[in-house]
Amino acid sequence: MPLAERTDPHARPEPDSTRDAMLIFAMSVSVDGYIADREGGIGWSVPSDELFRFHTARVRELGAYLLGRRLYETMRVWETDPAMRHDEDSNAFADIWSALPKVVFSGTLDRVEGNARLARGSLADEIAAVREATDRDVEIGGAGLAGAAIEQGFVDELRLFRHPIVLGGGTPYLPPVADAIPLRLVETQTFAGQVVYERYRRDGGAAS
């Protein structure tokens, strides 16, 4: 696929009915590849209004979301806290997130709220189940959970929102892997605040 260059930051591609639904890992990252700083902070990655609307459009396209406990607890407020609904944009995201089916992987939680359920099977089984239940793309979030999916070869696309900051340590976006994973850059876009969106698809060819 050639590199896509868009001038409209809110333009979305038309659905491609000829391809299989993908498993996607998308997160904000620092220039040096961390999704949280040494203290677990993510305040440096607060999106601009433009980027927030892009995230809303992106999540609207998903059929399900797999996530770990920490990410579930971070995002739960969008379903449970009315204070998050303070303008048109936040209302739109809250509606979309609340409607999205979610599977939470946790060894400590015994219940979850909202449109979510606890994972009952292995990562492989749960990925297979959600992909069977929807013809849309599925997203996976949480560094540990997504890292396991990457290591097991389940993740089809990596989507990075790279912020202009070097953290020097923290939670890495990618896990250490035993073998190289060839990728193709299929899209880039720059948002307000100099945040660069990088979209990589797993390449079936051998690593060079």
C-alpha atoms as a PDB file:
ATOM      1  CA  MET A   1       0.000   0.000   0.000  1.00  0.00           C
ATOM      2  CA  PRO A   2       1.443   3.426  -0.878  1.00  0.00           C
ATOM      3  CA  LEU A   3       1.973   6.042   1.780  1.00  0.00           C
ATOM      4  CA  ALA A   4      -1.256   7.971   2.343  1.00  0.00           C
ATOM      5  CA  GLU A   5      -0.958  11.725   2.665  1.00  0.00           C
ATOM      6  CA  ARG A   6      -4.072  13.547   3.849  1.00  0.00           C
ATOM      7  CA  THR A   7      -4.730  17.241   4.021  1.00  0.00           C
ATOM      8  CA  ASP A   8      -7.987  16.924   5.989  1.00  0.00           C
ATOM      9  CA  PRO A   9      -7.212  15.760   9.555  1.00  0.00           C
ATOM     10  CA  HIS A  10     -10.788  14.509  10.020  1.00  0.00           C
ATOM     11  CA  ALA A  11     -11.066  12.599   6.753  1.00  0.00           C
ATOM     12  CA  ARG A  12     -11.574   8.887   7.254  1.00  0.00           C
ATOM     13  CA  PRO A  13     -10.968   6.146   4.691  1.00  0.00           C
ATOM     14  CA  GLU A  14     -13.954   4.394   3.205  1.00  0.00           C
ATOM     15  CA  PRO A  15     -14.495   0.931   4.705  1.00  0.00           C
ATOM     16  CA  ASP A  16     -12.683  -1.740   2.725  1.00  0.00           C
ATOM     17  CA  SER A  17     -14.957  -4.748   2.512  1.00  0.00           C
ATOM     18  CA  THR A  18     -12.276  -6.764   0.701  1.00  0.00           C
ATOM     19  CA  ARG A  19      -9.875  -7.031   3.660  1.00  0.00           C
ATOM     20  CA  ASP A  20     -10.132  -8.940   6.901  1.00  0.00           C
ATOM     21  CA  ALA A  21     -10.714  -7.058  10.140  1.00  0.00           C
ATOM     22  CA  MET A  22      -7.469  -6.250  11.932  1.00  0.00           C
ATOM     23  CA  LEU A  23      -6.209  -6.233  15.500  1.00  0.00           C
ATOM     24  CA  ILE A  24      -4.720  -2.794  16.217  1.00  0.00           C
ATOM     25  CA  PHE A  25      -2.500  -1.411  18.965  1.00  0.00           C
ATOM     26  CA  ALA A  26      -2.755   2.390  19.137  1.00  0.00           C
ATOM     27  CA  MET A  27      -1.250   4.614  21.837  1.00  0.00           C
ATOM     28  CA  SER A  28       0.311   8.018  22.411  1.00  0.00           C
ATOM     29  CA  VAL A  29       4.080   7.676  22.699  1.00  0.00           C
ATOM     30  CA  SER A  30       7.076   9.878  23.418  1.00  0.00           C
ATOM     31  CA  VAL A  31       9.813  10.379  20.836  1.00  0.00           C
ATOM     32  CA  ASP A  32      11.840   7.721  22.651  1.00  0.00           C
ATOM     33  CA  GLY A  33       8.975   5.232  22.647  1.00  0.00           C
ATOM     34  CA  TYR A  34       7.302   5.413  26.073  1.00  0.00           C
ATOM     35  CA  ILE A  35       3.557   5.537  26.723  1.00  0.00           C
ATOM     36  CA  ALA A  36       3.901   6.657  30.359  1.00  0.00           C
ATOM     37  CA  ASP A  37       6.698   8.352  32.275  1.00  0.00           C
ATOM     38  CA  ARG A  38       8.668   6.866  35.194  1.00  0.00           C
ATOM     39  CA  GLU A  39       5.852   7.718  37.631  1.00  0.00           C
ATOM     40  CA  GLY A  40       3.180   6.346  35.327  1.00  0.00           C
ATOM     41  CA  GLY A  41       2.100   9.844  34.287  1.00  0.00           C
ATOM     42  CA  ILE A  42       0.491  10.553  30.919  1.00  0.00           C
ATOM     43  CA  GLY A  43      -0.222  14.270  31.326  1.00  0.00           C
ATOM     44  CA  TRP A  44       2.257  15.025  28.545  1.00  0.00           C
ATOM     45  CA  SER A  45      -0.022  13.255  26.038  1.00  0.00           C
ATOM     46  CA  VAL A  46      -3.243  15.248  26.494  1.00  0.00           C
ATOM     47  CA  PRO A  47      -4.657  15.579  22.953  1.00  0.00           C
ATOM     48  CA  SER A  48      -5.530  18.824  21.229  1.00  0.00           C
ATOM     49  CA  ASP A  49      -9.174  19.324  20.216  1.00  0.00           C
ATOM     50  CA  GLU A  50      -8.229  18.317  16.680  1.00  0.00           C
ATOM     51  CA  LEU A  51      -6.570  15.099  17.818  1.00  0.00           C
ATOM     52  CA  PHE A  52      -9.388  14.306  20.261  1.00  0.00           C
ATOM     53  CA  ARG A  53     -11.877  14.424  17.387  1.00  0.00           C
ATOM     54  CA  PHE A  54      -9.596  12.171  15.341  1.00  0.00           C
ATOM     55  CA  HIS A  55      -9.548   9.644  18.200  1.00  0.00           C
ATOM     56  CA  THR A  56     -13.344   9.807  18.381  1.00  0.00           C
ATOM     57  CA  ALA A  57     -13.666   9.071  14.661  1.00  0.00           C
ATOM     58  CA  ARG A  58     -11.139   6.255  14.957  1.00  0.00           C
ATOM     59  CA  VAL A  59     -12.833   4.563  17.916  1.00  0.00           C
ATOM     60  CA  ARG A  60     -16.193   4.879  16.152  1.00  0.00           C
ATOM     61  CA  GLU A  61     -14.903   2.431  13.520  1.00  0.00           C
ATOM     62  CA  LEU A  62     -14.041  -0.329  16.019  1.00  0.00           C
ATOM     63  CA  GLY A  63     -16.087  -3.427  16.727  1.00  0.00           C
ATOM     64  CA  ALA A  64     -14.569  -4.263  20.124  1.00  0.00           C
ATOM     65  CA  TYR A  65     -11.743  -3.360  22.494  1.00  0.00           C
ATOM     66  CA  LEU A  66      -9.480  -5.666  24.514  1.00  0.00           C
ATOM     67  CA  LEU A  67      -7.777  -3.996  27.451  1.00  0.00           C
ATOM     68  CA  GLY A  68      -5.864  -4.608  30.639  1.00  0.00           C
ATOM     69  CA  ARG A  69      -6.987  -3.577  34.110  1.00  0.00           C
ATOM     70  CA  ARG A  70      -5.099  -0.279  34.327  1.00  0.00           C
ATOM     71  CA  LEU A  71      -6.369   1.003  30.995  1.00  0.00           C
ATOM     72  CA  TYR A  72      -9.889  -0.154  31.843  1.00  0.00           C
ATOM     73  CA  GLU A  73      -9.786   1.760  35.122  1.00  0.00           C
ATOM     74  CA  THR A  74      -8.401   4.862  33.369  1.00  0.00           C
ATOM     75  CA  MET A  75     -11.108   4.818  30.694  1.00  0.00           C
ATOM     76  CA  ARG A  76     -14.022   3.721  32.923  1.00  0.00           C
ATOM     77  CA  VAL A  77     -14.881   7.348  33.749  1.00  0.00           C
ATOM     78  CA  TRP A  78     -16.157   7.829  30.202  1.00  0.00           C
ATOM     79  CA  GLU A  79     -18.984   5.436  31.052  1.00  0.00           C
ATOM     80  CA  THR A  80     -19.541   6.271  34.709  1.00  0.00           C
ATOM     81  CA  ASP A  81     -18.731   9.949  35.364  1.00  0.00           C
ATOM     82  CA  PRO A  82     -21.202  12.553  34.011  1.00  0.00           C
ATOM     83  CA  ALA A  83     -18.568  15.251  34.554  1.00  0.00           C
ATOM     84  CA  MET A  84     -16.681  13.894  31.536  1.00  0.00           C
ATOM     85  CA  ARG A  85     -19.567  15.066  29.327  1.00  0.00           C
ATOM     86  CA  HIS A  86     -18.816  18.784  29.293  1.00  0.00           C
ATOM     87  CA  ASP A  87     -19.099  19.678  25.599  1.00  0.00           C
ATOM     88  CA  GLU A  88     -20.131  18.298  22.217  1.00  0.00           C
ATOM     89  CA  ASP A  89     -16.825  16.535  21.581  1.00  0.00           C
ATOM     90  CA  SER A  90     -16.694  14.817  24.984  1.00  0.00           C
ATOM     91  CA  ASN A  91     -20.344  13.783  24.682  1.00  0.00           C
ATOM     92  CA  ALA A  92     -19.623  12.181  21.314  1.00  0.00           C
ATOM     93  CA  PHE A  93     -16.636  10.234  22.619  1.00  0.00           C
ATOM     94  CA  ALA A  94     -18.464   9.120  25.771  1.00  0.00           C
ATOM     95  CA  ASP A  95     -21.365   7.805  23.693  1.00  0.00           C
ATOM     96  CA  ILE A  96     -19.057   5.874  21.373  1.00  0.00           C
ATOM     97  CA  TRP A  97     -16.911   4.455  24.168  1.00  0.00           C
ATOM     98  CA  SER A  98     -19.972   3.424  26.178  1.00  0.00           C
ATOM     99  CA  ALA A  99     -21.448   1.578  23.200  1.00  0.00           C
ATOM    100  CA  LEU A 100     -18.224  -0.249  22.348  1.00  0.00           C
ATOM    101  CA  PRO A 101     -18.031  -3.866  23.631  1.00  0.00           C
ATOM    102  CA  LYS A 102     -14.948  -4.339  25.813  1.00  0.00           C
ATOM    103  CA  VAL A 103     -13.121  -7.369  27.214  1.00  0.00           C
ATOM    104  CA  VAL A 104     -11.038  -6.719  30.340  1.00  0.00           C
ATOM    105  CA  PHE A 105      -8.063  -8.912  31.242  1.00  0.00           C
ATOM    106  CA  SER A 106      -7.404  -8.869  34.979  1.00  0.00           C
ATOM    107  CA  GLY A 107      -6.250 -11.256  37.659  1.00  0.00           C
ATOM    108  CA  THR A 108      -7.574  -9.051  40.466  1.00  0.00           C
ATOM    109  CA  LEU A 109     -10.974  -7.711  39.384  1.00  0.00           C
ATOM    110  CA  ASP A 110     -14.052  -9.824  40.036  1.00  0.00           C
ATOM    111  CA  ARG A 111     -16.462  -7.515  38.200  1.00  0.00           C
ATOM    112  CA  VAL A 112     -16.436  -4.706  35.654  1.00  0.00           C
ATOM    113  CA  GLU A 113     -18.857  -1.909  34.843  1.00  0.00           C
ATOM    114  CA  GLY A 114     -20.477  -0.593  31.713  1.00  0.00           C
ATOM    115  CA  ASN A 115     -20.370  -2.344  28.367  1.00  0.00           C
ATOM    116  CA  ALA A 116     -17.548  -4.662  29.430  1.00  0.00           C
ATOM    117  CA  ARG A 117     -16.953  -8.217  30.561  1.00  0.00           C
ATOM    118  CA  LEU A 118     -14.026  -9.978  32.171  1.00  0.00           C
ATOM    119  CA  ALA A 119     -11.954 -12.239  29.941  1.00  0.00           C
ATOM    120  CA  ARG A 120     -12.739 -15.877  30.577  1.00  0.00           C
ATOM    121  CA  GLY A 121     -10.281 -17.572  28.255  1.00  0.00           C
ATOM    122  CA  SER A 122      -6.725 -17.200  27.037  1.00  0.00           C
ATOM    123  CA  LEU A 123      -5.606 -14.188  25.029  1.00  0.00           C
ATOM    124  CA  ALA A 124      -5.718 -16.264  21.855  1.00  0.00           C
ATOM    125  CA  ASP A 125      -9.233 -17.519  22.617  1.00  0.00           C
ATOM    126  CA  GLU A 126     -10.560 -14.061  23.467  1.00  0.00           C
ATOM    127  CA  ILE A 127      -9.065 -12.505  20.336  1.00  0.00           C
ATOM    128  CA  ALA A 128     -10.655 -15.247  18.244  1.00  0.00           C
ATOM    129  CA  ALA A 129     -14.014 -14.734  19.978  1.00  0.00           C
ATOM    130  CA  VAL A 130     -14.196 -10.974  19.477  1.00  0.00           C
ATOM    131  CA  ARG A 131     -13.045 -11.230  15.871  1.00  0.00           C
ATOM    132  CA  GLU A 132     -15.743 -13.816  15.248  1.00  0.00           C
ATOM    133  CA  ALA A 133     -18.355 -11.501  16.767  1.00  0.00           C
ATOM    134  CA  THR A 134     -17.620  -8.440  14.581  1.00  0.00           C
ATOM    135  CA  ASP A 135     -16.615  -7.609  11.018  1.00  0.00           C
ATOM    136  CA  ARG A 136     -14.927  -4.403  12.202  1.00  0.00           C
ATOM    137  CA  ASP A 137     -11.369  -3.823  13.383  1.00  0.00           C
ATOM    138  CA  VAL A 138     -10.608  -4.629  17.023  1.00  0.00           C
ATOM    139  CA  GLU A 139      -8.224  -2.639  19.202  1.00  0.00           C
ATOM    140  CA  ILE A 140      -6.062  -3.886  22.054  1.00  0.00           C
ATOM    141  CA  GLY A 141      -4.675  -1.636  24.775  1.00  0.00           C
ATOM    142  CA  GLY A 142      -2.459  -1.750  27.802  1.00  0.00           C
ATOM    143  CA  ALA A 143       1.275  -2.252  27.374  1.00  0.00           C
ATOM    144  CA  GLY A 144       1.447  -5.715  28.936  1.00  0.00           C
ATOM    145  CA  LEU A 145      -1.584  -7.127  27.166  1.00  0.00           C
ATOM    146  CA  ALA A 146      -0.712  -5.627  23.792  1.00  0.00           C
ATOM    147  CA  GLY A 147       2.898  -6.727  24.237  1.00  0.00           C
ATOM    148  CA  ALA A 148       1.773 -10.328  24.683  1.00  0.00           C
ATOM    149  CA  ALA A 149      -0.397 -10.064  21.565  1.00  0.00           C
ATOM    150  CA  ILE A 150       2.522  -8.645  19.570  1.00  0.00           C
ATOM    151  CA  GLU A 151       4.854 -11.404  20.765  1.00  0.00           C
ATOM    152  CA  GLN A 152       2.289 -14.040  19.777  1.00  0.00           C
ATOM    153  CA  GLY A 153       1.841 -12.534  16.316  1.00  0.00           C
ATOM    154  CA  PHE A 154      -1.772 -11.367  16.685  1.00  0.00           C
ATOM    155  CA  VAL A 155      -1.355  -7.610  16.107  1.00  0.00           C
ATOM    156  CA  ASP A 156      -1.824  -6.502  12.496  1.00  0.00           C
ATOM    157  CA  GLU A 157      -1.268  -2.750  12.846  1.00  0.00           C
ATOM    158  CA  LEU A 158       0.672  -0.435  15.147  1.00  0.00           C
ATOM    159  CA  ARG A 159      -0.640   3.135  15.392  1.00  0.00           C
ATOM    160  CA  LEU A 160       1.555   5.635  17.215  1.00  0.00           C
ATOM    161  CA  PHE A 161       0.695   9.207  18.132  1.00  0.00           C
ATOM    162  CA  ARG A 162       4.227  10.473  18.702  1.00  0.00           C
ATOM    163  CA  HIS A 163       4.451  13.532  20.974  1.00  0.00           C
ATOM    164  CA  PRO A 164       7.432  15.901  20.866  1.00  0.00           C
ATOM    165  CA  ILE A 165       8.909  14.914  24.210  1.00  0.00           C
ATOM    166  CA  VAL A 166      11.735  12.659  25.407  1.00  0.00           C
ATOM    167  CA  LEU A 167      10.896  10.914  28.695  1.00  0.00           C
ATOM    168  CA  GLY A 168      14.089   8.936  29.169  1.00  0.00           C
ATOM    169  CA  GLY A 169      12.281   6.040  30.811  1.00  0.00           C
ATOM    170  CA  GLY A 170       8.893   4.689  31.807  1.00  0.00           C
ATOM    171  CA  THR A 171       6.510   2.190  30.229  1.00  0.00           C
ATOM    172  CA  PRO A 172       7.626   1.236  26.710  1.00  0.00           C
ATOM    173  CA  TYR A 173       5.151   1.054  23.857  1.00  0.00           C
ATOM    174  CA  LEU A 174       6.722  -2.099  22.432  1.00  0.00           C
ATOM    175  CA  PRO A 175       7.860  -5.279  24.187  1.00  0.00           C
ATOM    176  CA  PRO A 176      11.264  -6.859  23.603  1.00  0.00           C
ATOM    177  CA  VAL A 177      10.816  -9.433  20.847  1.00  0.00           C
ATOM    178  CA  ALA A 178      12.900 -12.466  19.985  1.00  0.00           C
ATOM    179  CA  ASP A 179      12.604 -11.989  16.218  1.00  0.00           C
ATOM    180  CA  ALA A 180      12.397  -8.898  14.026  1.00  0.00           C
ATOM    181  CA  ILE A 181       8.875  -7.883  12.944  1.00  0.00           C
ATOM    182  CA  PRO A 182       8.868  -6.343   9.443  1.00  0.00           C
ATOM    183  CA  LEU A 183       6.464  -3.415   9.069  1.00  0.00           C
ATOM    184  CA  ARG A 184       5.175  -1.171   6.281  1.00  0.00           C
ATOM    185  CA  LEU A 185       4.447   2.498   6.875  1.00  0.00           C
ATOM    186  CA  VAL A 186       0.981   3.039   5.392  1.00  0.00           C
ATOM    187  CA  GLU A 187       0.017   6.467   6.725  1.00  0.00           C
ATOM    188  CA  THR A 188       1.381   9.546   8.448  1.00  0.00           C
ATOM    189  CA  GLN A 189      -0.281  12.740   9.587  1.00  0.00           C
ATOM    190  CA  THR A 190       0.746  15.712  11.712  1.00  0.00           C
ATOM    191  CA  PHE A 191      -1.638  17.303  14.202  1.00  0.00           C
ATOM    192  CA  ALA A 192      -1.635  20.523  16.204  1.00  0.00           C
ATOM    193  CA  GLY A 193       1.001  20.435  18.898  1.00  0.00           C
ATOM    194  CA  GLN A 194       3.388  18.696  16.484  1.00  0.00           C
ATOM    195  CA  VAL A 195       1.977  15.264  17.264  1.00  0.00           C
ATOM    196  CA  VAL A 196       2.850  12.880  14.437  1.00  0.00           C
ATOM    197  CA  TYR A 197       0.540   9.964  13.671  1.00  0.00           C
ATOM    198  CA  GLU A 198       2.393   6.917  12.345  1.00  0.00           C
ATOM    199  CA  ARG A 199       0.486   3.887  11.127  1.00  0.00           C
ATOM    200  CA  TYR A 200       2.416   0.668  10.454  1.00  0.00           C
ATOM    201  CA  ARG A 201       1.044  -2.584   9.076  1.00  0.00           C
ATOM    202  CA  ARG A 202       2.680  -5.928   9.718  1.00  0.00           C
ATOM    203  CA  ASP A 203       4.531  -7.043   6.586  1.00  0.00           C
ATOM    204  CA  GLY A 204       4.384 -10.682   5.598  1.00  0.00           C
ATOM    205  CA  GLY A 205       7.795 -10.533   3.962  1.00  0.00           C
ATOM    206  CA  ALA A 206      11.058 -11.530   5.595  1.00  0.00           C
ATOM    207  CA  ALA A 207      13.043  -8.952   7.502  1.00  0.00           C
ATOM    208  CA  SER A 208      15.962  -7.477   5.564  1.00  0.00           C
END
